[in-house]
Protein backbone atom coordinates (compact mmCIF):
# COMPACT_ATOMS: atom_id res chain seq x y z
CA MET A 1 -0.03 -0.01 -0.03
CA SER A 2 2.77 2.41 0.81
CA GLY A 3 4.02 2.15 -2.85
CA ASP A 4 0.69 3.70 -4.07
CA LYS A 5 1.12 6.82 -1.99
CA LYS A 6 4.04 8.50 -3.70
CA PRO A 7 2.46 8.57 -7.12
CA LYS A 8 -0.67 10.05 -5.75
CA LYS A 9 1.40 12.75 -3.86
CA ARG A 10 3.41 13.50 -7.06
CA TRP A 11 0.12 13.76 -9.08
CA ARG A 12 -1.35 16.12 -6.43
CA ARG A 13 1.73 18.24 -6.47
CA LEU A 14 1.81 18.50 -10.28
CA ALA A 15 -1.82 19.30 -10.32
CA GLY A 16 -1.22 22.09 -7.75
CA ILE A 17 1.66 23.66 -9.85
CA ALA A 18 -0.45 23.51 -13.11
CA PHE A 19 -3.49 25.16 -11.14
CA SER A 20 -1.07 27.86 -9.87
CA LEU A 21 0.29 28.62 -13.28
CA VAL A 22 -3.23 28.92 -14.85
CA SER A 23 -4.29 31.16 -12.01
CA LEU A 24 -1.26 33.45 -12.57
CA ALA A 25 -2.00 33.70 -16.26
CA VAL A 26 -5.59 34.55 -15.54
CA LEU A 27 -4.68 37.26 -13.09
CA THR A 28 -1.97 38.62 -15.36
CA TYR A 29 -4.62 38.71 -18.24
CA ILE A 30 -7.18 40.49 -16.30
CA THR A 31 -4.66 43.13 -14.97
CA ILE A 32 -3.28 43.87 -18.45
CA THR A 33 -6.91 44.08 -19.89
CA LEU A 34 -8.14 46.33 -17.13
CA ILE A 35 -5.13 48.68 -17.58
CA SER A 36 -5.62 48.87 -21.29
CA GLY A 37 -9.45 49.50 -20.86
CA ARG A 38 -10.26 46.52 -23.23
CA SER A 39 -13.18 44.21 -22.29
CA LEU A 40 -12.56 40.83 -20.95
CA ASP A 41 -12.66 37.77 -23.22
CA MET A 42 -12.17 34.54 -21.32
CA SER A 43 -13.03 32.22 -24.25
CA TRP A 44 -9.40 31.20 -24.55
CA LEU A 45 -9.58 29.96 -20.92
CA THR A 46 -12.66 27.86 -21.27
CA GLY A 47 -11.18 26.25 -24.28
CA ILE A 48 -8.54 24.87 -21.91
CA PHE A 49 -10.86 22.73 -20.08
CA THR A 50 -13.65 22.04 -22.52
CA PRO A 51 -13.11 20.56 -26.07
CA ARG A 52 -13.78 22.84 -28.96
CA ALA A 53 -17.06 22.27 -30.81
CA ALA A 54 -16.77 21.48 -34.53
CA VAL A 55 -17.37 24.53 -36.65
CA GLU A 56 -20.83 24.34 -38.28
CA GLU A 57 -20.91 25.08 -41.84
CA VAL A 58 -22.94 27.92 -43.13
CA GLY A 59 -25.03 28.29 -46.25
CA GLU A 60 -24.14 31.98 -46.94
CA TYR A 61 -20.99 33.89 -46.68
CA HIS A 62 -21.09 37.66 -45.92
CA PHE A 63 -18.02 39.36 -47.45
CA ASP A 64 -17.28 42.99 -47.24
CA VAL A 65 -14.34 43.82 -49.50
CA GLY A 66 -15.78 46.29 -51.83
CA ARG A 67 -16.52 45.90 -55.67
CA ASP A 68 -15.27 43.44 -58.35
CA ARG A 69 -15.01 40.47 -55.83
CA VAL A 70 -13.08 37.36 -56.72
CA PHE A 71 -12.85 34.32 -54.61
CA ALA A 72 -10.36 31.31 -53.66
CA ASN A 73 -10.84 28.16 -51.70
CA LEU A 74 -8.28 27.89 -49.00
CA GLY A 75 -9.28 24.42 -47.85
CA ASP A 76 -11.03 25.03 -44.55
CA ALA A 77 -11.89 28.68 -45.45
CA VAL A 78 -12.86 30.98 -48.23
CA ALA A 79 -11.02 34.11 -49.37
CA ALA A 80 -12.37 37.14 -51.16
CA ALA A 81 -10.47 40.02 -52.69
CA GLY A 82 -12.18 43.33 -53.74
CA THR A 83 -11.49 46.92 -54.38
CA LEU A 84 -11.22 47.41 -50.52
CA GLY A 85 -8.86 44.61 -49.73
CA VAL A 86 -8.97 40.91 -48.75
CA GLN A 87 -10.99 38.98 -46.20
CA VAL A 88 -11.09 35.35 -45.09
CA LEU A 89 -13.98 33.50 -43.55
CA ASP A 90 -13.97 29.99 -42.03
CA ALA A 91 -16.44 27.37 -42.52
CA GLY A 92 -18.82 28.76 -40.01
CA GLY A 93 -18.76 32.22 -41.76
CA HIS A 94 -16.63 33.82 -39.05
CA GLU A 95 -13.88 36.38 -40.19
CA THR A 96 -10.48 35.00 -39.56
CA LEU A 97 -8.48 37.73 -41.45
CA ARG A 98 -8.88 41.06 -42.89
CA GLU A 99 -6.46 43.44 -44.70
CA ALA A 100 -7.56 46.79 -45.98
CA PHE A 101 -5.95 48.17 -48.99
CA ARG A 102 -7.06 49.66 -52.46
CA MET A 103 -7.18 47.68 -55.57
CA SER A 104 -8.77 48.83 -58.89
CA ARG A 105 -8.77 45.51 -60.64
CA PRO A 106 -8.50 42.94 -57.93
CA ALA A 107 -7.29 39.36 -58.84
CA LEU A 108 -6.74 36.24 -56.64
CA SER A 109 -4.80 32.99 -57.10
CA GLU A 110 -4.44 30.19 -54.47
CA GLU A 111 -2.44 26.98 -53.87
CA ASN A 112 -2.35 24.61 -50.95
CA GLY A 113 -4.14 26.84 -48.43
CA ARG A 114 -2.30 30.05 -49.30
CA ALA A 115 -3.44 32.82 -51.73
CA ILE A 116 -2.05 35.75 -53.42
CA ALA A 117 -4.11 38.98 -54.14
CA PHE A 118 -2.86 41.54 -56.58
CA ASP A 119 -4.01 44.72 -58.33
CA ILE A 120 -4.02 44.31 -62.15
CA GLY A 121 -2.57 47.54 -63.55
CA GLY A 122 -1.71 48.64 -59.97
CA THR A 123 1.23 47.86 -57.60
CA ALA A 124 -0.49 46.12 -54.47
CA VAL A 125 0.39 42.50 -53.86
CA ARG A 126 -0.57 40.64 -50.63
CA VAL A 127 0.16 36.98 -49.82
CA PHE A 128 -1.79 35.42 -46.88
CA ASN A 129 -3.28 32.22 -45.36
CA GLY A 130 -6.35 31.79 -43.39
CA LYS A 131 -5.10 33.69 -40.39
CA GLN A 132 -2.33 36.06 -41.37
CA VAL A 133 -0.72 38.17 -44.01
CA ILE A 134 2.56 36.64 -44.99
CA ALA A 135 3.86 39.25 -47.32
CA SER A 136 2.88 42.81 -48.20
CA ILE A 137 4.54 44.22 -51.42
CA GLU A 138 4.25 47.21 -53.61
CA ALA A 139 5.72 46.37 -56.94
CA SER A 140 8.06 48.85 -58.51
CA GLY A 141 6.23 48.47 -61.92
CA THR A 142 2.63 47.91 -63.22
CA VAL A 143 1.47 44.29 -61.99
CA VAL A 144 0.12 42.16 -64.67
CA SER A 145 -0.24 38.87 -62.89
CA ALA A 146 1.00 36.77 -59.95
CA SER A 147 1.14 33.10 -58.86
CA ILE A 148 1.98 30.90 -55.67
CA ASN A 149 3.28 27.46 -55.56
CA ARG A 150 2.59 24.61 -53.18
CA ASN A 151 5.57 25.68 -50.89
CA GLY A 152 4.30 29.34 -50.56
CA TRP A 153 6.95 30.75 -52.98
CA PHE A 154 5.43 33.22 -55.36
CA CYS A 155 5.96 35.11 -58.61
CA VAL A 156 5.00 38.68 -59.67
CA SER A 157 4.99 39.58 -63.28
CA ALA A 158 5.15 43.39 -64.16
CA GLN A 159 5.95 45.93 -66.65
CA GLU A 160 8.84 48.18 -65.39
CA GLY A 161 10.62 51.29 -66.61
CA ALA A 162 9.94 53.70 -69.23
CA ALA A 163 10.18 50.98 -71.91
CA LEU A 164 7.63 48.90 -69.97
CA ARG A 165 10.11 45.93 -70.07
CA GLY A 166 8.64 42.71 -68.87
CA VAL A 167 10.01 41.63 -65.45
CA ALA A 168 9.24 38.45 -63.37
CA THR A 169 10.30 38.43 -59.66
CA VAL A 170 10.44 35.31 -57.56
CA TYR A 171 9.92 35.65 -53.71
CA ASN A 172 10.39 33.05 -51.14
CA ASP A 173 7.72 32.02 -48.61
CA ARG A 174 8.78 34.74 -46.31
CA GLY A 175 8.20 37.41 -49.00
CA SER A 176 11.84 38.10 -49.70
CA PRO A 177 12.92 38.56 -53.33
CA VAL A 178 15.30 35.80 -54.36
CA TYR A 179 15.42 36.05 -58.24
CA LYS A 180 14.52 38.40 -60.92
CA VAL A 181 14.61 38.14 -64.75
CA ASN A 182 14.20 41.01 -67.34
CA LEU A 183 12.68 39.88 -70.79
CA ALA A 184 14.58 41.19 -73.67
CA SER A 185 11.37 41.78 -75.58
CA GLY A 186 7.70 40.95 -75.42
CA TYR A 187 4.81 41.64 -73.02
CA ALA A 188 5.05 39.52 -69.72
CA LEU A 189 1.76 37.82 -69.20
CA SER A 190 2.61 35.55 -66.20
CA ALA A 191 5.29 33.48 -64.50
CA VAL A 192 4.98 30.26 -62.55
CA LEU A 193 7.52 28.38 -60.23
CA SER A 194 7.97 24.73 -60.01
CA PRO A 195 6.93 22.93 -56.88
CA ASP A 196 10.54 22.38 -55.87
CA ASN A 197 11.28 26.08 -56.10
CA LYS A 198 14.02 25.37 -58.76
CA ASN A 199 12.55 26.28 -62.20
CA LEU A 200 10.80 29.25 -63.44
CA ALA A 201 8.61 29.59 -66.56
CA VAL A 202 7.67 32.96 -67.98
CA LEU A 203 4.91 33.56 -70.54
CA ASN A 204 5.04 36.47 -72.93
CA LEU A 205 3.49 37.69 -76.06
CA THR A 206 5.65 38.13 -79.23
CA GLU A 207 5.09 39.61 -82.50
CA ASP A 208 4.31 36.09 -83.99
CA GLY A 209 2.37 34.62 -81.07
CA SER A 210 3.30 33.32 -77.65
CA ARG A 211 6.59 32.21 -75.82
CA ILE A 212 7.26 30.34 -72.69
CA THR A 213 10.91 30.94 -71.57
CA LEU A 214 12.52 28.49 -68.98
CA TYR A 215 14.91 29.30 -66.33
CA GLN A 216 16.56 26.43 -64.46
CA GLY A 217 18.36 26.77 -61.06
CA LEU A 218 17.30 30.38 -60.57
CA ASN A 219 21.08 31.45 -60.61
CA LYS A 220 21.44 33.20 -64.00
CA GLN A 221 19.75 35.68 -66.24
CA ASP A 222 20.16 33.84 -69.53
CA PRO A 223 17.30 31.27 -70.24
CA ASP A 224 17.90 27.62 -70.65
CA SER A 225 15.28 26.95 -73.22
CA ALA A 226 12.19 28.51 -74.84
CA PHE A 227 9.00 27.22 -76.43
CA ASN A 228 7.59 29.36 -79.33
CA LEU A 229 3.80 28.98 -80.38
CA ASN A 230 3.75 31.01 -83.55
CA GLY A 231 0.21 32.12 -84.70
CA GLY A 232 -1.25 30.82 -81.52
CA LEU A 233 -2.10 32.17 -78.11
CA ILE A 234 -1.08 30.50 -74.83
CA LEU A 235 -3.72 31.25 -72.14
CA ASP A 236 -2.32 29.55 -69.12
CA MET A 237 0.62 27.39 -67.76
CA ARG A 238 0.91 25.08 -64.82
CA TYR A 239 3.55 22.82 -63.39
CA LEU A 240 2.38 19.16 -62.77
CA SER A 241 3.30 16.97 -60.05
CA ASN A 242 6.07 15.24 -62.18
CA GLY A 243 7.91 18.40 -62.78
CA SER A 244 6.76 19.05 -66.28
CA LEU A 245 4.85 22.07 -67.45
CA LEU A 246 1.38 22.11 -69.00
CA ALA A 247 0.50 24.91 -71.30
CA VAL A 248 -2.99 25.66 -72.44
CA SER A 249 -3.59 27.39 -75.71
CA THR A 250 -6.62 28.41 -77.59
CA HIS A 251 -6.56 25.36 -79.76
CA SER A 252 -4.35 22.78 -77.90
CA LEU A 253 -2.40 21.46 -74.81
CA TYR A 254 1.27 21.19 -74.70
CA ILE A 255 3.78 19.42 -72.34
CA LEU A 256 7.22 20.87 -71.72
CA ASP A 257 9.67 18.52 -69.83
CA ARG A 258 12.60 19.74 -67.60
CA THR A 259 14.85 20.23 -70.55
CA GLY A 260 12.20 22.47 -72.52
CA ALA A 261 11.43 19.74 -75.04
CA SER A 262 7.78 20.10 -76.08
CA SER A 263 5.08 17.57 -77.16
CA LEU A 264 1.46 18.01 -78.04
CA LEU A 265 -0.82 16.58 -75.39
CA TYR A 266 -4.25 17.30 -76.79
CA GLU A 267 -5.64 19.28 -79.59
CA TYR A 268 -9.12 20.69 -80.33
CA PHE A 269 -8.47 22.69 -83.65
CA ASP A 270 -12.10 22.02 -84.64
CA LYS A 271 -13.53 23.32 -81.33
CA ARG A 272 -13.53 26.76 -79.39
CA LEU A 273 -12.29 26.72 -75.84
CA GLY A 274 -15.20 27.78 -73.72
CA GLY A 275 -13.54 27.22 -70.31
CA TYR A 276 -11.16 24.92 -68.36
CA ALA A 277 -10.55 23.93 -64.67
CA PHE A 278 -7.73 22.17 -62.83
CA ASP A 279 -8.01 19.55 -60.23
CA GLU A 280 -5.11 17.42 -58.77
CA GLY A 281 -3.87 15.48 -61.69
CA TYR A 282 -6.87 16.26 -63.99
CA LEU A 283 -8.02 18.98 -66.30
CA ALA A 284 -11.67 19.56 -67.33
CA LEU A 285 -12.23 21.33 -70.65
CA HIS A 286 -15.41 22.75 -72.10
CA LEU A 287 -15.08 22.78 -75.86
CA LEU A 288 -17.72 24.48 -78.13
CA ASP A 289 -18.61 23.57 -81.69
CA TYR A 290 -18.10 26.41 -84.13
CA GLY A 291 -21.56 27.73 -85.20
CA VAL A 292 -24.79 28.97 -83.69
CA GLY A 293 -25.75 27.84 -80.10
CA TYR A 294 -23.99 26.16 -77.33
CA SER A 295 -23.50 22.59 -78.67
CA GLY A 296 -20.20 21.11 -77.59
CA ARG A 297 -18.79 18.71 -75.06
CA LEU A 298 -17.01 18.39 -71.66
CA VAL A 299 -13.79 16.44 -71.59
CA MET A 300 -11.80 15.13 -68.54
CA LEU A 301 -8.20 14.55 -69.14
CA ASP A 302 -5.37 13.13 -66.94
CA GLU A 303 -1.86 14.36 -66.90
CA LYS A 304 -1.01 12.05 -69.79
CA GLY A 305 -3.62 13.53 -72.00
CA LEU A 306 -5.86 10.60 -71.82
CA ALA A 307 -9.72 11.23 -71.91
CA VAL A 308 -11.20 9.58 -68.72
CA GLY A 309 -14.56 11.16 -69.29
CA GLU A 310 -16.54 12.97 -72.03
CA LEU A 311 -19.97 14.43 -72.26
CA ALA A 312 -21.98 15.98 -75.25
CA THR A 313 -23.89 19.05 -74.26
CA ASP A 314 -25.89 21.88 -75.76
CA ARG A 315 -26.27 24.03 -72.67
CA GLU A 316 -24.71 27.25 -71.90
CA PHE A 317 -21.91 26.97 -69.19
CA ILE A 318 -21.34 30.22 -67.46
CA SER A 319 -18.63 29.09 -65.14
CA ILE A 320 -17.01 25.96 -64.12
CA SER A 321 -14.68 25.03 -61.16
CA PHE A 322 -12.95 21.74 -60.41
CA GLY A 323 -11.98 20.59 -56.92
CA GLY A 324 -12.16 17.44 -54.63
CA GLY A 325 -12.99 15.21 -57.45
CA TYR A 326 -16.14 17.08 -58.62
CA LEU A 327 -16.61 19.55 -61.38
CA ALA A 328 -19.16 22.33 -60.27
CA ALA A 329 -20.90 23.91 -63.26
CA LEU A 330 -22.96 27.10 -63.33
CA ARG A 331 -25.20 26.68 -66.29
CA SER A 332 -27.88 28.90 -67.83
CA ASP A 333 -30.43 26.53 -66.53
CA GLY A 334 -29.14 25.85 -63.14
CA ILE A 335 -26.41 24.19 -61.13
CA MET A 336 -24.92 20.73 -61.65
CA PHE A 337 -22.06 18.70 -60.30
CA TYR A 338 -20.15 16.15 -62.22
CA ASP A 339 -17.68 13.47 -61.30
CA LYS A 340 -14.69 12.63 -63.43
CA MET A 341 -16.79 10.42 -65.51
CA PHE A 342 -19.43 13.14 -66.03
CA GLN A 343 -22.05 11.48 -64.08
CA GLU A 344 -24.52 14.24 -62.92
CA PHE A 345 -25.25 15.05 -59.28
CA PRO A 346 -27.93 17.86 -58.76
CA PRO A 347 -27.63 20.12 -55.89
CA LEU A 348 -29.56 19.62 -52.74
CA GLY A 349 -32.93 21.41 -52.21
CA GLU A 350 -34.32 24.12 -54.33
CA PRO A 351 -31.79 26.18 -56.30
CA PRO A 352 -31.05 29.52 -54.67
CA VAL A 353 -32.55 32.66 -56.37
CA MET A 354 -29.55 35.08 -56.82
CA ALA A 355 -29.34 38.24 -58.80
CA GLY A 356 -26.12 38.75 -60.71
CA VAL A 357 -24.66 35.33 -60.19
CA ASN A 358 -21.71 35.09 -62.51
CA SER A 359 -19.32 32.33 -61.25
CA ILE A 360 -19.04 29.21 -59.24
CA LEU A 361 -16.17 28.07 -57.03
CA ALA A 362 -15.83 24.37 -56.00
CA LEU A 363 -14.93 24.03 -52.31
CA GLY A 364 -14.47 20.28 -52.23
CA GLY A 365 -16.39 17.51 -50.62
CA GLY A 366 -19.38 17.95 -52.99
CA ALA A 367 -19.92 21.82 -52.20
CA ALA A 368 -19.45 24.80 -54.18
CA LEU A 369 -19.87 28.68 -53.70
CA LEU A 370 -22.15 30.53 -56.07
CA THR A 371 -20.93 34.07 -56.33
CA GLY A 372 -22.25 37.41 -57.43
CA GLU A 373 -21.60 41.09 -56.83
CA ASN A 374 -23.67 41.02 -53.53
CA SER A 375 -24.02 37.41 -52.64
CA ALA A 376 -22.03 34.23 -51.94
CA ILE A 377 -24.24 31.09 -51.35
CA VAL A 378 -23.06 27.54 -50.58
CA VAL A 379 -24.62 24.79 -52.63
CA ARG A 380 -24.06 21.20 -51.90
CA ILE A 381 -24.56 17.81 -53.70
CA ASP A 382 -27.76 15.88 -53.16
CA ASN A 383 -26.22 12.57 -51.81
CA ALA A 384 -29.63 11.01 -51.76
CA VAL A 385 -29.95 10.95 -55.51
């Protein structure tokens, strides 16, 4: 019996020390709060002794960031950027971040829970996650675009100087500039950094079409290779998980490997590109037939260019967004979800009535955000169907 008393005494002693520390913290907090004149908020203390309840998801988000709002999915939160700055709301609709600054033409890009907001034609750039602003930058030139990779490194493309030379600047995940290239000629459209932070691709317009210039190692000004698409317009580019670069043009998809060698991945010369959306390892294309009406097809491609799903359609698609394995579509006749094989999943309940709806953002898990100038409504898949 005597062997059991020492552990009990030791436990009581540790419990007494812990209680004294918590009491001291409470008294310190109360003293500082009363001196500063702020109201007491003891929610942090109750969280120590009681488990936190799960955040209940809301059906509507209330953003206040001004006009021309754009949105991004941060995984467990939704970000919005507008003419008055950026704002982040969690799944329960509670504000977790607000940064006020002016933008004339706000734009927003996200990757792996981080986002970069920038003012097209201005100088403001902000990088943030769901809780804090990571970097606040005023570019030395006119910002054209910006991107962020999975590691939080980001690129800003701008036109600088009297000659408006195209410039791409790479920043690390702390917001410090680490690399900068000046294009000899051409208008810089965008720049993207590989997931390993070692390779940079810069897209610019030329007199003959489009060019992607590749820089390896981020340690020299001279490019390692370039891909020219004469007579064509490259709209977007993105690094894939295998390190190759995917380029989306108005009539085809191209793959550039680490050496800069290019290959045709998929072509649609007989179609008009109505829209596209990325998910992890997949690309959804909306291809329209030339002619009157909205006849065309949806195509789902993997990273090798193989079509894993295809659907003929004659409906107007206003906006599409891909995430969490589902393609969310805002059509002229309503909302629809599709899986990778284009099986249809209607939304749960009656479709919301919203004025000025112009885009849809996939949130994952069979949910999407319908957005307009004054509303942001969550719609979800009807799993009972």
